[in-house]
Amino acid sequence: MTARQETTSRLLTLGEAPQAALLLELGWSSNAKDLANLTVDDRLQVMAVAVARSVATYLTARANNNANISAQGAAQ
């Protein structure tokens, strides 16, 4: 695997974002194979569903954890 640096002008780092942020890279427009994959509607649908499920799983786990912490605090 090789890494390279690319110049991006319209980007905030996660530490500079005014709200909670998520950086998700699904491909590179400068990579011909990635770009080809990003123009196929079926692939985009699969990626969209995967991202939505991942976010929902994270938020559900976070909500459940917060509920457990609140319940433990009330029991003490």
PDB file of N, CA and C in Angstrom:
ATOM      1  N   MET A   1       0.853  -1.163   0.000  1.00  0.00           N
ATOM      2  CA  MET A   1       0.000   0.000   0.000  1.00  0.00           C
ATOM      3  C   MET A   1       0.900   1.226   0.000  1.00  0.00           C
ATOM      4  N   THR A   2       0.580   2.173  -0.819  1.00  0.00           N
ATOM      5  CA  THR A   2       1.329   3.419  -0.839  1.00  0.00           C
ATOM      6  C   THR A   2       0.398   4.554  -0.455  1.00  0.00           C
ATOM      7  N   ALA A   3       0.959   5.558   0.147  1.00  0.00           N
ATOM      8  CA  ALA A   3       0.184   6.733   0.543  1.00  0.00           C
ATOM      9  C   ALA A   3       0.755   7.941  -0.162  1.00  0.00           C
ATOM     10  N   ARG A   4      -0.113   8.861  -0.472  1.00  0.00           N
ATOM     11  CA  ARG A   4       0.354  10.102  -1.068  1.00  0.00           C
ATOM     12  C   ARG A   4      -0.494  11.242  -0.542  1.00  0.00           C
ATOM     13  N   GLN A   5       0.049  12.418  -0.641  1.00  0.00           N
ATOM     14  CA  GLN A   5      -0.657  13.602  -0.170  1.00  0.00           C
ATOM     15  C   GLN A   5      -1.247  14.329  -1.365  1.00  0.00           C
ATOM     16  N   GLU A   6      -2.496  14.758  -1.222  1.00  0.00           N
ATOM     17  CA  GLU A   6      -3.143  15.514  -2.278  1.00  0.00           C
ATOM     18  C   GLU A   6      -3.602  16.854  -1.721  1.00  0.00           C
ATOM     19  N   THR A   7      -3.609  17.857  -2.539  1.00  0.00           N
ATOM     20  CA  THR A   7      -4.026  19.182  -2.119  1.00  0.00           C
ATOM     21  C   THR A   7      -5.542  19.290  -2.184  1.00  0.00           C
ATOM     22  N   THR A   8      -6.129  19.721  -1.093  1.00  0.00           N
ATOM     23  CA  THR A   8      -7.572  19.931  -1.025  1.00  0.00           C
ATOM     24  C   THR A   8      -7.800  21.317  -0.454  1.00  0.00           C
ATOM     25  N   SER A   9      -8.586  22.130  -1.129  1.00  0.00           N
ATOM     26  CA  SER A   9      -8.753  23.516  -0.697  1.00  0.00           C
ATOM     27  C   SER A   9      -9.966  23.736   0.209  1.00  0.00           C
ATOM     28  N   ARG A  10     -11.033  22.971   0.045  1.00  0.00           N
ATOM     29  CA  ARG A  10     -12.259  23.202   0.815  1.00  0.00           C
ATOM     30  C   ARG A  10     -12.432  22.102   1.846  1.00  0.00           C
ATOM     31  N   LEU A  11     -11.621  22.128   2.883  1.00  0.00           N
ATOM     32  CA  LEU A  11     -11.637  21.046   3.853  1.00  0.00           C
ATOM     33  C   LEU A  11     -11.364  21.587   5.241  1.00  0.00           C
ATOM     34  N   LEU A  12     -12.162  21.178   6.191  1.00  0.00           N
ATOM     35  CA  LEU A  12     -11.883  21.446   7.596  1.00  0.00           C
ATOM     36  C   LEU A  12     -11.412  20.149   8.219  1.00  0.00           C
ATOM     37  N   THR A  13     -10.420  20.225   9.073  1.00  0.00           N
ATOM     38  CA  THR A  13     -10.057  19.014   9.799  1.00  0.00           C
ATOM     39  C   THR A  13     -11.130  18.778  10.852  1.00  0.00           C
ATOM     40  N   LEU A  14     -11.204  17.576  11.368  1.00  0.00           N
ATOM     41  CA  LEU A  14     -12.257  17.266  12.338  1.00  0.00           C
ATOM     42  C   LEU A  14     -12.162  18.157  13.570  1.00  0.00           C
ATOM     43  N   GLY A  15     -10.947  18.558  13.939  1.00  0.00           N
ATOM     44  CA  GLY A  15     -10.775  19.440  15.084  1.00  0.00           C
ATOM     45  C   GLY A  15     -11.267  20.855  14.830  1.00  0.00           C
ATOM     46  N   GLU A  16     -11.372  21.266  13.568  1.00  0.00           N
ATOM     47  CA  GLU A  16     -11.814  22.611  13.215  1.00  0.00           C
ATOM     48  C   GLU A  16     -13.296  22.684  12.886  1.00  0.00           C
ATOM     49  N   ALA A  17     -13.948  21.547  12.744  1.00  0.00           N
ATOM     50  CA  ALA A  17     -15.356  21.524  12.346  1.00  0.00           C
ATOM     51  C   ALA A  17     -16.214  22.147  13.448  1.00  0.00           C
ATOM     52  N   PRO A  18     -17.206  22.969  13.077  1.00  0.00           N
ATOM     53  CA  PRO A  18     -18.039  23.631  14.087  1.00  0.00           C
ATOM     54  C   PRO A  18     -18.989  22.667  14.806  1.00  0.00           C
ATOM     55  N   GLN A  19     -19.224  21.488  14.250  1.00  0.00           N
ATOM     56  CA  GLN A  19     -20.096  20.495  14.864  1.00  0.00           C
ATOM     57  C   GLN A  19     -19.417  19.133  14.768  1.00  0.00           C
ATOM     58  N   ALA A  20     -20.052  18.138  15.318  1.00  0.00           N
ATOM     59  CA  ALA A  20     -19.535  16.779  15.195  1.00  0.00           C
ATOM     60  C   ALA A  20     -19.374  16.453  13.712  1.00  0.00           C
ATOM     61  N   ALA A  21     -18.332  15.726  13.383  1.00  0.00           N
ATOM     62  CA  ALA A  21     -18.045  15.465  11.980  1.00  0.00           C
ATOM     63  C   ALA A  21     -17.603  14.025  11.780  1.00  0.00           C
ATOM     64  N   LEU A  22     -17.738  13.581  10.566  1.00  0.00           N
ATOM     65  CA  LEU A  22     -17.317  12.246  10.171  1.00  0.00           C
ATOM     66  C   LEU A  22     -16.613  12.367   8.835  1.00  0.00           C
ATOM     67  N   LEU A  23     -15.415  11.850   8.762  1.00  0.00           N
ATOM     68  CA  LEU A  23     -14.686  11.831   7.499  1.00  0.00           C
ATOM     69  C   LEU A  23     -14.785  10.420   6.950  1.00  0.00           C
ATOM     70  N   LEU A  24     -15.413  10.302   5.807  1.00  0.00           N
ATOM     71  CA  LEU A  24     -15.652   8.994   5.211  1.00  0.00           C
ATOM     72  C   LEU A  24     -15.155   9.023   3.772  1.00  0.00           C
ATOM     73  N   GLU A  25     -14.200   8.181   3.478  1.00  0.00           N
ATOM     74  CA  GLU A  25     -13.646   8.125   2.131  1.00  0.00           C
ATOM     75  C   GLU A  25     -14.130   6.859   1.443  1.00  0.00           C
ATOM     76  N   LEU A  26     -14.882   7.032   0.381  1.00  0.00           N
ATOM     77  CA  LEU A  26     -15.428   5.900  -0.362  1.00  0.00           C
ATOM     78  C   LEU A  26     -14.702   5.689  -1.679  1.00  0.00           C
ATOM     79  N   GLY A  27     -13.775   6.540  -1.981  1.00  0.00           N
ATOM     80  CA  GLY A  27     -13.010   6.442  -3.217  1.00  0.00           C
ATOM     81  C   GLY A  27     -12.352   7.768  -3.514  1.00  0.00           C
ATOM     82  N   TRP A  28     -11.507   7.746  -4.521  1.00  0.00           N
ATOM     83  CA  TRP A  28     -10.775   8.950  -4.913  1.00  0.00           C
ATOM     84  C   TRP A  28     -11.138   9.296  -6.340  1.00  0.00           C
ATOM     85  N   SER A  29     -11.508  10.544  -6.575  1.00  0.00           N
ATOM     86  CA  SER A  29     -11.852  10.970  -7.926  1.00  0.00           C
ATOM     87  C   SER A  29     -10.638  10.988  -8.843  1.00  0.00           C
ATOM     88  N   SER A  30      -9.444  10.999  -8.274  1.00  0.00           N
ATOM     89  CA  SER A  30      -8.224  10.987  -9.089  1.00  0.00           C
ATOM     90  C   SER A  30      -7.805   9.562  -9.473  1.00  0.00           C
ATOM     91  N   ASN A  31      -8.514   8.548  -8.948  1.00  0.00           N
ATOM     92  CA  ASN A  31      -8.225   7.151  -9.258  1.00  0.00           C
ATOM     93  C   ASN A  31      -9.280   6.661 -10.255  1.00  0.00           C
ATOM     94  N   ALA A  32      -8.843   6.246 -11.424  1.00  0.00           N
ATOM     95  CA  ALA A  32      -9.781   5.869 -12.493  1.00  0.00           C
ATOM     96  C   ALA A  32     -10.725   4.751 -12.069  1.00  0.00           C
ATOM     97  N   LYS A  33     -10.217   3.748 -11.358  1.00  0.00           N
ATOM     98  CA  LYS A  33     -11.062   2.630 -10.932  1.00  0.00           C
ATOM     99  C   LYS A  33     -12.099   3.101  -9.899  1.00  0.00           C
ATOM    100  N   ASP A  34     -11.649   3.894  -8.926  1.00  0.00           N
ATOM    101  CA  ASP A  34     -12.586   4.426  -7.937  1.00  0.00           C
ATOM    102  C   ASP A  34     -13.642   5.293  -8.605  1.00  0.00           C
ATOM    103  N   LEU A  35     -13.207   6.145  -9.501  1.00  0.00           N
ATOM    104  CA  LEU A  35     -14.145   7.035 -10.181  1.00  0.00           C
ATOM    105  C   LEU A  35     -15.180   6.242 -10.977  1.00  0.00           C
ATOM    106  N   ALA A  36     -14.736   5.182 -11.642  1.00  0.00           N
ATOM    107  CA  ALA A  36     -15.669   4.329 -12.386  1.00  0.00           C
ATOM    108  C   ALA A  36     -16.680   3.692 -11.427  1.00  0.00           C
ATOM    109  N   ASN A  37     -16.216   3.222 -10.280  1.00  0.00           N
ATOM    110  CA  ASN A  37     -17.119   2.611  -9.300  1.00  0.00           C
ATOM    111  C   ASN A  37     -18.112   3.621  -8.737  1.00  0.00           C
ATOM    112  N   LEU A  38     -17.676   4.878  -8.591  1.00  0.00           N
ATOM    113  CA  LEU A  38     -18.539   5.906  -8.023  1.00  0.00           C
ATOM    114  C   LEU A  38     -19.589   6.421  -9.006  1.00  0.00           C
ATOM    115  N   THR A  39     -19.563   5.949 -10.234  1.00  0.00           N
ATOM    116  CA  THR A  39     -20.570   6.359 -11.211  1.00  0.00           C
ATOM    117  C   THR A  39     -21.594   5.263 -11.490  1.00  0.00           C
ATOM    118  N   VAL A  40     -21.508   4.136 -10.776  1.00  0.00           N
ATOM    119  CA  VAL A  40     -22.446   3.025 -10.956  1.00  0.00           C
ATOM    120  C   VAL A  40     -23.528   3.132  -9.881  1.00  0.00           C
ATOM    121  N   ASP A  41     -24.766   3.349 -10.311  1.00  0.00           N
ATOM    122  CA  ASP A  41     -25.864   3.562  -9.368  1.00  0.00           C
ATOM    123  C   ASP A  41     -26.019   2.420  -8.363  1.00  0.00           C
ATOM    124  N   ASP A  42     -25.889   1.183  -8.807  1.00  0.00           N
ATOM    125  CA  ASP A  42     -26.033   0.043  -7.887  1.00  0.00           C
ATOM    126  C   ASP A  42     -24.966   0.074  -6.800  1.00  0.00           C
ATOM    127  N   ARG A  43     -23.740   0.412  -7.178  1.00  0.00           N
ATOM    128  CA  ARG A  43     -22.660   0.511  -6.178  1.00  0.00           C
ATOM    129  C   ARG A  43     -22.933   1.639  -5.191  1.00  0.00           C
ATOM    130  N   LEU A  44     -23.402   2.775  -5.698  1.00  0.00           N
ATOM    131  CA  LEU A  44     -23.710   3.902  -4.819  1.00  0.00           C
ATOM    132  C   LEU A  44     -24.812   3.532  -3.832  1.00  0.00           C
ATOM    133  N   GLN A  45     -25.805   2.788  -4.298  1.00  0.00           N
ATOM    134  CA  GLN A  45     -26.894   2.358  -3.413  1.00  0.00           C
ATOM    135  C   GLN A  45     -26.368   1.449  -2.310  1.00  0.00           C
ATOM    136  N   VAL A  46     -25.518   0.494  -2.676  1.00  0.00           N
ATOM    137  CA  VAL A  46     -24.940  -0.429  -1.684  1.00  0.00           C
ATOM    138  C   VAL A  46     -24.109   0.350  -0.663  1.00  0.00           C
ATOM    139  N   MET A  47     -23.311   1.305  -1.145  1.00  0.00           N
ATOM    140  CA  MET A  47     -22.497   2.108  -0.224  1.00  0.00           C
ATOM    141  C   MET A  47     -23.375   2.956   0.687  1.00  0.00           C
ATOM    142  N   ALA A  48     -24.442   3.542   0.131  1.00  0.00           N
ATOM    143  CA  ALA A  48     -25.341   4.375   0.933  1.00  0.00           C
ATOM    144  C   ALA A  48     -26.009   3.563   2.039  1.00  0.00           C
ATOM    145  N   VAL A  49     -26.446   2.362   1.714  1.00  0.00           N
ATOM    146  CA  VAL A  49     -27.079   1.496   2.715  1.00  0.00           C
ATOM    147  C   VAL A  49     -26.065   1.102   3.792  1.00  0.00           C
ATOM    148  N   ALA A  50     -24.848   0.776   3.372  1.00  0.00           N
ATOM    149  CA  ALA A  50     -23.811   0.386   4.333  1.00  0.00           C
ATOM    150  C   ALA A  50     -23.480   1.538   5.280  1.00  0.00           C
ATOM    151  N   VAL A  51     -23.367   2.745   4.741  1.00  0.00           N
ATOM    152  CA  VAL A  51     -23.072   3.911   5.586  1.00  0.00           C
ATOM    153  C   VAL A  51     -24.236   4.175   6.538  1.00  0.00           C
ATOM    154  N   ALA A  52     -25.468   4.126   6.027  1.00  0.00           N
ATOM    155  CA  ALA A  52     -26.642   4.369   6.876  1.00  0.00           C
ATOM    156  C   ALA A  52     -26.731   3.342   7.998  1.00  0.00           C
ATOM    157  N   ARG A  53     -26.492   2.077   7.688  1.00  0.00           N
ATOM    158  CA  ARG A  53     -26.533   1.038   8.726  1.00  0.00           C
ATOM    159  C   ARG A  53     -25.441   1.243   9.760  1.00  0.00           C
ATOM    160  N   SER A  54     -24.265   1.632   9.311  1.00  0.00           N
ATOM    161  CA  SER A  54     -23.148   1.865  10.235  1.00  0.00           C
ATOM    162  C   SER A  54     -23.449   3.010  11.188  1.00  0.00           C
ATOM    163  N   VAL A  55     -23.977   4.098  10.652  1.00  0.00           N
ATOM    164  CA  VAL A  55     -24.325   5.245  11.489  1.00  0.00           C
ATOM    165  C   VAL A  55     -25.441   4.861  12.468  1.00  0.00           C
ATOM    166  N   ALA A  56     -26.446   4.148  11.990  1.00  0.00           N
ATOM    167  CA  ALA A  56     -27.546   3.723  12.863  1.00  0.00           C
ATOM    168  C   ALA A  56     -27.047   2.800  13.968  1.00  0.00           C
ATOM    169  N   THR A  57     -26.144   1.890  13.627  1.00  0.00           N
ATOM    170  CA  THR A  57     -25.578   0.983  14.632  1.00  0.00           C
ATOM    171  C   THR A  57     -24.819   1.767  15.691  1.00  0.00           C
ATOM    172  N   TYR A  58     -24.002   2.720  15.256  1.00  0.00           N
ATOM    173  CA  TYR A  58     -23.240   3.539  16.198  1.00  0.00           C
ATOM    174  C   TYR A  58     -24.169   4.333  17.115  1.00  0.00           C
ATOM    175  N   LEU A  59     -25.154   5.006  16.523  1.00  0.00           N
ATOM    176  CA  LEU A  59     -26.060   5.831  17.321  1.00  0.00           C
ATOM    177  C   LEU A  59     -26.900   4.994  18.277  1.00  0.00           C
ATOM    178  N   THR A  60     -27.315   3.810  17.848  1.00  0.00           N
ATOM    179  CA  THR A  60     -28.074   2.916  18.729  1.00  0.00           C
ATOM    180  C   THR A  60     -27.222   2.474  19.912  1.00  0.00           C
ATOM    181  N   ALA A  61     -25.981   2.083  19.634  1.00  0.00           N
ATOM    182  CA  ALA A  61     -25.083   1.661  20.715  1.00  0.00           C
ATOM    183  C   ALA A  61     -24.825   2.815  21.676  1.00  0.00           C
ATOM    184  N   ARG A  62     -24.651   4.001  21.126  1.00  0.00           N
ATOM    185  CA  ARG A  62     -24.404   5.170  21.981  1.00  0.00           C
ATOM    186  C   ARG A  62     -25.626   5.479  22.834  1.00  0.00           C
ATOM    187  N   ALA A  63     -26.813   5.420  22.244  1.00  0.00           N
ATOM    188  CA  ALA A  63     -28.040   5.673  22.994  1.00  0.00           C
ATOM    189  C   ALA A  63     -28.241   4.624  24.077  1.00  0.00           C
ATOM    190  N   ASN A  64     -27.979   3.362  23.744  1.00  0.00           N
ATOM    191  CA  ASN A  64     -28.120   2.296  24.741  1.00  0.00           C
ATOM    192  C   ASN A  64     -27.122   2.470  25.872  1.00  0.00           C
ATOM    193  N   ASN A  65     -25.909   2.868  25.539  1.00  0.00           N
ATOM    194  CA  ASN A  65     -24.892   3.092  26.567  1.00  0.00           C
ATOM    195  C   ASN A  65     -25.297   4.233  27.472  1.00  0.00           C
ATOM    196  N   ASN A  66     -25.819   5.319  26.901  1.00  0.00           N
ATOM    197  CA  ASN A  66     -26.279   6.446  27.709  1.00  0.00           C
ATOM    198  C   ASN A  66     -27.437   6.039  28.604  1.00  0.00           C
ATOM    199  N   ALA A  67     -28.333   5.209  28.094  1.00  0.00           N
ATOM    200  CA  ALA A  67     -29.470   4.744  28.903  1.00  0.00           C
ATOM    201  C   ALA A  67     -28.973   3.878  30.047  1.00  0.00           C
ATOM    202  N   ASN A  68     -27.986   3.023  29.790  1.00  0.00           N
ATOM    203  CA  ASN A  68     -27.431   2.167  30.837  1.00  0.00           C
ATOM    204  C   ASN A  68     -26.744   2.991  31.914  1.00  0.00           C
ATOM    205  N   ILE A  69     -26.016   4.029  31.509  1.00  0.00           N
ATOM    206  CA  ILE A  69     -25.341   4.887  32.474  1.00  0.00           C
ATOM    207  C   ILE A  69     -26.360   5.623  33.325  1.00  0.00           C
ATOM    208  N   SER A  70     -27.434   6.124  32.693  1.00  0.00           N
ATOM    209  CA  SER A  70     -28.470   6.831  33.429  1.00  0.00           C
ATOM    210  C   SER A  70     -29.171   5.901  34.415  1.00  0.00           C
ATOM    211  N   ALA A  71     -29.438   4.664  33.996  1.00  0.00           N
ATOM    212  CA  ALA A  71     -30.102   3.694  34.873  1.00  0.00           C
ATOM    213  C   ALA A  71     -29.212   3.315  36.044  1.00  0.00           C
ATOM    214  N   GLN A  72     -27.921   3.190  35.811  1.00  0.00           N
ATOM    215  CA  GLN A  72     -26.998   2.866  36.897  1.00  0.00           C
ATOM    216  C   GLN A  72     -26.930   4.004  37.899  1.00  0.00           C
ATOM    217  N   GLY A  73     -26.938   5.245  37.398  1.00  0.00           N
ATOM    218  CA  GLY A  73     -26.905   6.401  38.280  1.00  0.00           C
ATOM    219  C   GLY A  73     -28.154   6.503  39.135  1.00  0.00           C
ATOM    220  N   ALA A  74     -29.296   6.149  38.586  1.00  0.00           N
ATOM    221  CA  ALA A  74     -30.564   6.212  39.311  1.00  0.00           C
ATOM    222  C   ALA A  74     -30.646   5.115  40.368  1.00  0.00           C
ATOM    223  N   ALA A  75     -29.976   3.982  40.130  1.00  0.00           N
ATOM    224  CA  ALA A  75     -30.033   2.855  41.052  1.00  0.00           C
ATOM    225  C   ALA A  75     -29.138   3.066  42.265  1.00  0.00           C
ATOM    226  N   GLN A  76     -28.208   3.979  42.183  1.00  0.00           N
ATOM    227  CA  GLN A  76     -27.263   4.169  43.306  1.00  0.00           C
ATOM    228  C   GLN A  76     -27.770   5.093  44.343  1.00  0.00           C
TER     229      GLN A  76
END
